[in-house]
Amino acid sequence: MLELSVAAFVTLFVIIDPIGLAPLFVALTQGMSAAQRRAIAARACLIGFALLVIFGLAGEIILELVGISMPAFRISGGLLLFLTAVEMLFEKRTERREKTAEGEHPNDPSVFPLAVPLIAGPGAMTTMILLIGQNPGDTASQLVIFAVMAAVIVSAFLLFLLASPLERLLGQTGINVITRLLGMLLAALSVQFVLDGLRDFGMVGS
């Protein structure tokens, strides 16, 4: 059981990458108050947790029912993530903040892109499906996997709470530089998701 716990934790921690999500959270919630950030962090983590539980329990069934393959799921997640990367690179969020000041509802990144696809992305969903699938009928092992997944998401939430001090430390110029750098990394990550999906379809080489 200990071996399963360690393997599941390492795998999910690497896939979800709470440390890498912290600066992304800063960039996506730039200019928001601490209370707003706490609410967004909590909502994103709860939604991400719920989705991973659902996919762990019934992921393959859900995709089969709607006729979606996991490679197609990876490609769609990559394309959606690429749109976020473009916004980060070209600072499209500034326009939305100006509209918000005129009375529109503020953009809430808790569902997209934080919960999906950054926390509960194709990789994390696939990992949950595979981990649970390796222990069919073993309730104890499956509970351990879900507990480990919850621990990884809690670690992401705790790092999200450090966003405000991190923003003060970096300053506006530092945030702008990091936002664009992370936008480039997100773009590369999104392309990798698409390539992984195409590779599973046999359309590109390994």
C-alpha atoms as a PDB file:
ATOM      1  CA  MET A   1       0.000   0.000   0.000  1.00  0.00           C
ATOM      2  CA  LEU A   2       2.891   2.360   0.788  1.00  0.00           C
ATOM      3  CA  GLU A   3       4.430   1.635  -2.595  1.00  0.00           C
ATOM      4  CA  LEU A   4       1.107   2.440  -4.290  1.00  0.00           C
ATOM      5  CA  SER A   5       0.786   5.685  -2.301  1.00  0.00           C
ATOM      6  CA  VAL A   6       4.284   6.878  -3.207  1.00  0.00           C
ATOM      7  CA  ALA A   7       3.911   5.941  -6.880  1.00  0.00           C
ATOM      8  CA  ALA A   8       0.505   7.621  -7.139  1.00  0.00           C
ATOM      9  CA  PHE A   9       1.687  10.766  -5.329  1.00  0.00           C
ATOM     10  CA  VAL A  10       4.803  11.186  -7.453  1.00  0.00           C
ATOM     11  CA  THR A  11       2.874  10.592 -10.673  1.00  0.00           C
ATOM     12  CA  LEU A  12       0.020  12.981  -9.854  1.00  0.00           C
ATOM     13  CA  PHE A  13       2.331  15.621  -8.389  1.00  0.00           C
ATOM     14  CA  VAL A  14       4.417  15.658 -11.554  1.00  0.00           C
ATOM     15  CA  ILE A  15       1.337  15.694 -13.806  1.00  0.00           C
ATOM     16  CA  ILE A  16      -0.612  18.375 -11.896  1.00  0.00           C
ATOM     17  CA  ASP A  17       2.568  20.277 -10.912  1.00  0.00           C
ATOM     18  CA  PRO A  18       1.311  22.461  -8.022  1.00  0.00           C
ATOM     19  CA  ILE A  19       4.623  24.346  -7.891  1.00  0.00           C
ATOM     20  CA  GLY A  20       4.360  25.283 -11.548  1.00  0.00           C
ATOM     21  CA  LEU A  21       0.707  26.295 -11.128  1.00  0.00           C
ATOM     22  CA  ALA A  22       1.457  28.893  -8.425  1.00  0.00           C
ATOM     23  CA  PRO A  23       2.981  31.544 -10.743  1.00  0.00           C
ATOM     24  CA  LEU A  24       0.264  30.791 -13.302  1.00  0.00           C
ATOM     25  CA  PHE A  25      -2.314  31.529 -10.624  1.00  0.00           C
ATOM     26  CA  VAL A  26      -0.595  34.853  -9.934  1.00  0.00           C
ATOM     27  CA  ALA A  27      -0.712  35.765 -13.617  1.00  0.00           C
ATOM     28  CA  LEU A  28      -4.340  34.710 -14.072  1.00  0.00           C
ATOM     29  CA  THR A  29      -5.547  36.583 -10.969  1.00  0.00           C
ATOM     30  CA  GLN A  30      -3.399  39.677 -11.337  1.00  0.00           C
ATOM     31  CA  GLY A  31      -4.968  42.733  -9.698  1.00  0.00           C
ATOM     32  CA  MET A  32      -7.494  40.747  -7.646  1.00  0.00           C
ATOM     33  CA  SER A  33      -7.863  41.055  -3.877  1.00  0.00           C
ATOM     34  CA  ALA A  34      -6.702  38.357  -1.456  1.00  0.00           C
ATOM     35  CA  ALA A  35     -10.332  37.408  -0.753  1.00  0.00           C
ATOM     36  CA  GLN A  36     -11.086  37.032  -4.461  1.00  0.00           C
ATOM     37  CA  ARG A  37      -7.997  34.909  -4.923  1.00  0.00           C
ATOM     38  CA  ARG A  38      -8.919  32.646  -1.994  1.00  0.00           C
ATOM     39  CA  ALA A  39     -12.389  32.135  -3.452  1.00  0.00           C
ATOM     40  CA  ILE A  40     -11.022  31.389  -6.915  1.00  0.00           C
ATOM     41  CA  ALA A  41      -8.367  29.034  -5.505  1.00  0.00           C
ATOM     42  CA  ALA A  42     -10.925  27.130  -3.426  1.00  0.00           C
ATOM     43  CA  ARG A  43     -13.396  26.898  -6.307  1.00  0.00           C
ATOM     44  CA  ALA A  44     -10.747  25.766  -8.798  1.00  0.00           C
ATOM     45  CA  CYS A  45      -9.384  23.083  -6.457  1.00  0.00           C
ATOM     46  CA  LEU A  46     -12.840  21.772  -5.537  1.00  0.00           C
ATOM     47  CA  ILE A  47     -13.901  21.579  -9.176  1.00  0.00           C
ATOM     48  CA  GLY A  48     -10.594  19.948 -10.130  1.00  0.00           C
ATOM     49  CA  PHE A  49     -10.969  17.416  -7.312  1.00  0.00           C
ATOM     50  CA  ALA A  50     -14.563  16.585  -8.275  1.00  0.00           C
ATOM     51  CA  LEU A  51     -13.636  16.100 -11.939  1.00  0.00           C
ATOM     52  CA  LEU A  52     -10.709  13.825 -11.108  1.00  0.00           C
ATOM     53  CA  VAL A  53     -12.911  11.751  -8.805  1.00  0.00           C
ATOM     54  CA  ILE A  54     -15.518  11.414 -11.571  1.00  0.00           C
ATOM     55  CA  PHE A  55     -12.917  10.445 -14.157  1.00  0.00           C
ATOM     56  CA  GLY A  56     -11.256   8.043 -11.745  1.00  0.00           C
ATOM     57  CA  LEU A  57     -14.562   6.280 -11.145  1.00  0.00           C
ATOM     58  CA  ALA A  58     -16.139   6.463 -14.582  1.00  0.00           C
ATOM     59  CA  GLY A  59     -13.740   8.189 -16.989  1.00  0.00           C
ATOM     60  CA  GLU A  60     -13.549   5.495 -19.630  1.00  0.00           C
ATOM     61  CA  ILE A  61     -17.306   4.911 -19.487  1.00  0.00           C
ATOM     62  CA  ILE A  62     -18.060   8.635 -19.869  1.00  0.00           C
ATOM     63  CA  LEU A  63     -15.791   9.044 -22.878  1.00  0.00           C
ATOM     64  CA  GLU A  64     -17.072   5.874 -24.511  1.00  0.00           C
ATOM     65  CA  LEU A  65     -20.691   6.939 -24.007  1.00  0.00           C
ATOM     66  CA  VAL A  66     -20.168  10.234 -25.817  1.00  0.00           C
ATOM     67  CA  GLY A  67     -17.870   8.691 -28.409  1.00  0.00           C
ATOM     68  CA  ILE A  68     -14.729  10.623 -27.411  1.00  0.00           C
ATOM     69  CA  SER A  69     -11.316   8.975 -27.395  1.00  0.00           C
ATOM     70  CA  MET A  70      -8.623  10.003 -24.944  1.00  0.00           C
ATOM     71  CA  PRO A  71      -6.347  11.225 -27.784  1.00  0.00           C
ATOM     72  CA  ALA A  72      -9.161  13.519 -28.959  1.00  0.00           C
ATOM     73  CA  PHE A  73      -9.574  14.696 -25.364  1.00  0.00           C
ATOM     74  CA  ARG A  74      -5.865  15.536 -25.182  1.00  0.00           C
ATOM     75  CA  ILE A  75      -6.022  17.492 -28.439  1.00  0.00           C
ATOM     76  CA  SER A  76      -9.061  19.528 -27.359  1.00  0.00           C
ATOM     77  CA  GLY A  77      -7.450  20.313 -24.000  1.00  0.00           C
ATOM     78  CA  GLY A  78      -4.299  21.438 -25.774  1.00  0.00           C
ATOM     79  CA  LEU A  79      -6.225  23.751 -28.094  1.00  0.00           C
ATOM     80  CA  LEU A  80      -8.115  25.342 -25.198  1.00  0.00           C
ATOM     81  CA  LEU A  81      -4.882  25.834 -23.276  1.00  0.00           C
ATOM     82  CA  PHE A  82      -3.321  27.470 -26.339  1.00  0.00           C
ATOM     83  CA  LEU A  83      -6.064  30.127 -26.312  1.00  0.00           C
ATOM     84  CA  THR A  84      -5.140  30.997 -22.720  1.00  0.00           C
ATOM     85  CA  ALA A  85      -1.463  31.190 -23.691  1.00  0.00           C
ATOM     86  CA  VAL A  86      -2.283  33.658 -26.479  1.00  0.00           C
ATOM     87  CA  GLU A  87      -4.202  35.855 -24.025  1.00  0.00           C
ATOM     88  CA  MET A  88      -1.256  35.826 -21.616  1.00  0.00           C
ATOM     89  CA  LEU A  89       1.202  36.711 -24.376  1.00  0.00           C
ATOM     90  CA  PHE A  90      -0.835  39.587 -25.800  1.00  0.00           C
ATOM     91  CA  GLU A  91      -2.445  40.780 -22.535  1.00  0.00           C
ATOM     92  CA  LYS A  92      -6.033  40.411 -23.739  1.00  0.00           C
ATOM     93  CA  ARG A  93      -7.168  40.343 -20.103  1.00  0.00           C
ATOM     94  CA  THR A  94      -6.603  44.118 -19.860  1.00  0.00           C
ATOM     95  CA  GLU A  95      -9.544  44.694 -22.181  1.00  0.00           C
ATOM     96  CA  ARG A  96     -11.776  42.525 -19.999  1.00  0.00           C
ATOM     97  CA  ARG A  97     -10.720  44.392 -16.844  1.00  0.00           C
ATOM     98  CA  GLU A  98     -11.633  47.701 -18.512  1.00  0.00           C
ATOM     99  CA  LYS A  99     -15.048  46.292 -19.423  1.00  0.00           C
ATOM    100  CA  THR A 100     -15.454  45.043 -15.874  1.00  0.00           C
ATOM    101  CA  ALA A 101     -14.954  48.584 -14.595  1.00  0.00           C
ATOM    102  CA  GLU A 102     -17.837  49.590 -16.865  1.00  0.00           C
ATOM    103  CA  GLY A 103     -20.168  47.133 -15.159  1.00  0.00           C
ATOM    104  CA  GLU A 104     -19.572  43.731 -16.744  1.00  0.00           C
ATOM    105  CA  HIS A 105     -18.955  40.647 -14.610  1.00  0.00           C
ATOM    106  CA  PRO A 106     -15.242  39.999 -13.957  1.00  0.00           C
ATOM    107  CA  ASN A 107     -13.524  37.141 -15.684  1.00  0.00           C
ATOM    108  CA  ASP A 108     -13.306  34.134 -13.362  1.00  0.00           C
ATOM    109  CA  PRO A 109     -10.434  31.779 -14.201  1.00  0.00           C
ATOM    110  CA  SER A 110     -11.429  29.216 -11.536  1.00  0.00           C
ATOM    111  CA  VAL A 111     -13.214  26.858 -13.942  1.00  0.00           C
ATOM    112  CA  PHE A 112     -11.141  27.573 -17.062  1.00  0.00           C
ATOM    113  CA  PRO A 113      -8.206  27.422 -17.222  1.00  0.00           C
ATOM    114  CA  LEU A 114      -7.395  26.675 -13.545  1.00  0.00           C
ATOM    115  CA  ALA A 115      -9.684  23.711 -12.803  1.00  0.00           C
ATOM    116  CA  VAL A 116      -9.670  22.583 -16.441  1.00  0.00           C
ATOM    117  CA  PRO A 117      -7.206  21.945 -17.990  1.00  0.00           C
ATOM    118  CA  LEU A 118      -4.468  23.036 -15.547  1.00  0.00           C
ATOM    119  CA  ILE A 119      -5.519  21.025 -12.462  1.00  0.00           C
ATOM    120  CA  ALA A 120      -7.817  18.413 -13.997  1.00  0.00           C
ATOM    121  CA  GLY A 121      -6.233  18.284 -17.418  1.00  0.00           C
ATOM    122  CA  PRO A 122      -6.047  15.406 -19.901  1.00  0.00           C
ATOM    123  CA  GLY A 123      -2.884  14.108 -18.248  1.00  0.00           C
ATOM    124  CA  ALA A 124      -4.357  14.107 -14.729  1.00  0.00           C
ATOM    125  CA  MET A 125      -7.642  12.581 -15.914  1.00  0.00           C
ATOM    126  CA  THR A 126      -5.797   9.895 -17.848  1.00  0.00           C
ATOM    127  CA  THR A 127      -3.583   9.180 -14.834  1.00  0.00           C
ATOM    128  CA  MET A 128      -6.614   8.742 -12.564  1.00  0.00           C
ATOM    129  CA  ILE A 129      -8.255   6.405 -15.064  1.00  0.00           C
ATOM    130  CA  LEU A 130      -5.073   4.331 -15.332  1.00  0.00           C
ATOM    131  CA  LEU A 131      -4.364   4.222 -11.580  1.00  0.00           C
ATOM    132  CA  ILE A 132      -7.891   3.143 -10.725  1.00  0.00           C
ATOM    133  CA  GLY A 133      -7.913   0.709 -13.648  1.00  0.00           C
ATOM    134  CA  GLN A 134      -4.790  -0.990 -12.302  1.00  0.00           C
ATOM    135  CA  ASN A 135      -6.663  -1.840  -9.084  1.00  0.00           C
ATOM    136  CA  PRO A 136     -10.100  -3.038 -10.212  1.00  0.00           C
ATOM    137  CA  GLY A 137     -12.346  -4.096  -7.370  1.00  0.00           C
ATOM    138  CA  ASP A 138      -9.740  -3.160  -4.735  1.00  0.00           C
ATOM    139  CA  THR A 139     -11.650  -0.578  -2.717  1.00  0.00           C
ATOM    140  CA  ALA A 140      -8.826   0.065  -0.250  1.00  0.00           C
ATOM    141  CA  SER A 141      -6.292   0.772  -2.993  1.00  0.00           C
ATOM    142  CA  GLN A 142      -8.717   2.999  -4.844  1.00  0.00           C
ATOM    143  CA  LEU A 143      -9.413   5.017  -1.681  1.00  0.00           C
ATOM    144  CA  VAL A 144      -5.656   5.477  -1.231  1.00  0.00           C
ATOM    145  CA  ILE A 145      -5.368   6.793  -4.796  1.00  0.00           C
ATOM    146  CA  PHE A 146      -8.199   9.287  -4.235  1.00  0.00           C
ATOM    147  CA  ALA A 147      -6.639  10.387  -0.920  1.00  0.00           C
ATOM    148  CA  VAL A 148      -3.268  10.928  -2.603  1.00  0.00           C
ATOM    149  CA  MET A 149      -4.922  12.928  -5.384  1.00  0.00           C
ATOM    150  CA  ALA A 150      -6.661  15.075  -2.752  1.00  0.00           C
ATOM    151  CA  ALA A 151      -3.311  15.695  -1.018  1.00  0.00           C
ATOM    152  CA  VAL A 152      -1.768  16.912  -4.282  1.00  0.00           C
ATOM    153  CA  ILE A 153      -4.667  19.311  -4.879  1.00  0.00           C
ATOM    154  CA  VAL A 154      -4.456  20.595  -1.277  1.00  0.00           C
ATOM    155  CA  SER A 155      -0.778  21.356  -1.883  1.00  0.00           C
ATOM    156  CA  ALA A 156      -1.792  23.335  -4.979  1.00  0.00           C
ATOM    157  CA  PHE A 157      -4.370  25.265  -2.928  1.00  0.00           C
ATOM    158  CA  LEU A 158      -1.781  26.146  -0.259  1.00  0.00           C
ATOM    159  CA  LEU A 159       0.598  27.415  -2.936  1.00  0.00           C
ATOM    160  CA  PHE A 160      -2.236  29.467  -4.471  1.00  0.00           C
ATOM    161  CA  LEU A 161      -2.679  31.199  -1.102  1.00  0.00           C
ATOM    162  CA  LEU A 162       0.908  32.457  -1.385  1.00  0.00           C
ATOM    163  CA  ALA A 163       0.051  34.277  -4.621  1.00  0.00           C
ATOM    164  CA  SER A 164      -0.369  37.739  -3.059  1.00  0.00           C
ATOM    165  CA  PRO A 165       3.040  37.780  -1.269  1.00  0.00           C
ATOM    166  CA  LEU A 166       4.605  36.468  -4.466  1.00  0.00           C
ATOM    167  CA  GLU A 167       3.005  39.264  -6.485  1.00  0.00           C
ATOM    168  CA  ARG A 168       4.305  41.904  -4.057  1.00  0.00           C
ATOM    169  CA  LEU A 169       7.779  40.402  -4.250  1.00  0.00           C
ATOM    170  CA  LEU A 170       7.872  40.426  -8.053  1.00  0.00           C
ATOM    171  CA  GLY A 171       6.237  43.819  -8.621  1.00  0.00           C
ATOM    172  CA  GLN A 172       4.332  44.888 -11.735  1.00  0.00           C
ATOM    173  CA  THR A 173       7.319  44.620 -14.087  1.00  0.00           C
ATOM    174  CA  GLY A 174       8.223  41.172 -12.794  1.00  0.00           C
ATOM    175  CA  ILE A 175       4.636  39.995 -13.161  1.00  0.00           C
ATOM    176  CA  ASN A 176       4.486  41.238 -16.760  1.00  0.00           C
ATOM    177  CA  VAL A 177       7.725  39.473 -17.651  1.00  0.00           C
ATOM    178  CA  ILE A 178       6.692  36.214 -15.968  1.00  0.00           C
ATOM    179  CA  THR A 179       3.191  36.365 -17.473  1.00  0.00           C
ATOM    180  CA  ARG A 180       4.608  36.452 -20.983  1.00  0.00           C
ATOM    181  CA  LEU A 181       7.254  33.848 -20.231  1.00  0.00           C
ATOM    182  CA  LEU A 182       4.608  31.523 -18.802  1.00  0.00           C
ATOM    183  CA  GLY A 183       2.425  32.269 -21.799  1.00  0.00           C
ATOM    184  CA  MET A 184       5.186  30.933 -24.020  1.00  0.00           C
ATOM    185  CA  LEU A 185       5.586  27.852 -21.822  1.00  0.00           C
ATOM    186  CA  LEU A 186       1.829  27.308 -21.806  1.00  0.00           C
ATOM    187  CA  ALA A 187       1.790  27.543 -25.592  1.00  0.00           C
ATOM    188  CA  ALA A 188       4.518  24.891 -25.780  1.00  0.00           C
ATOM    189  CA  LEU A 189       2.654  22.701 -23.272  1.00  0.00           C
ATOM    190  CA  SER A 190      -0.567  23.009 -25.265  1.00  0.00           C
ATOM    191  CA  VAL A 191       1.238  21.989 -28.459  1.00  0.00           C
ATOM    192  CA  GLN A 192       2.675  18.995 -26.592  1.00  0.00           C
ATOM    193  CA  PHE A 193      -0.855  17.956 -25.579  1.00  0.00           C
ATOM    194  CA  VAL A 194      -1.912  18.133 -29.227  1.00  0.00           C
ATOM    195  CA  LEU A 195       1.165  16.195 -30.395  1.00  0.00           C
ATOM    196  CA  ASP A 196       0.542  13.512 -27.751  1.00  0.00           C
ATOM    197  CA  GLY A 197      -3.008  13.147 -29.005  1.00  0.00           C
ATOM    198  CA  LEU A 198      -1.892  12.959 -32.632  1.00  0.00           C
ATOM    199  CA  ARG A 199       0.784  10.417 -31.686  1.00  0.00           C
ATOM    200  CA  ASP A 200      -1.865   8.235 -30.048  1.00  0.00           C
ATOM    201  CA  PHE A 201      -3.800   8.409 -33.301  1.00  0.00           C
ATOM    202  CA  GLY A 202      -0.630   7.303 -35.131  1.00  0.00           C
ATOM    203  CA  MET A 203      -0.438  10.555 -37.078  1.00  0.00           C
ATOM    204  CA  VAL A 204       3.040  11.592 -35.828  1.00  0.00           C
ATOM    205  CA  GLY A 205       6.128   9.614 -34.881  1.00  0.00           C
ATOM    206  CA  SER A 206       7.279   9.013 -31.329  1.00  0.00           C
END
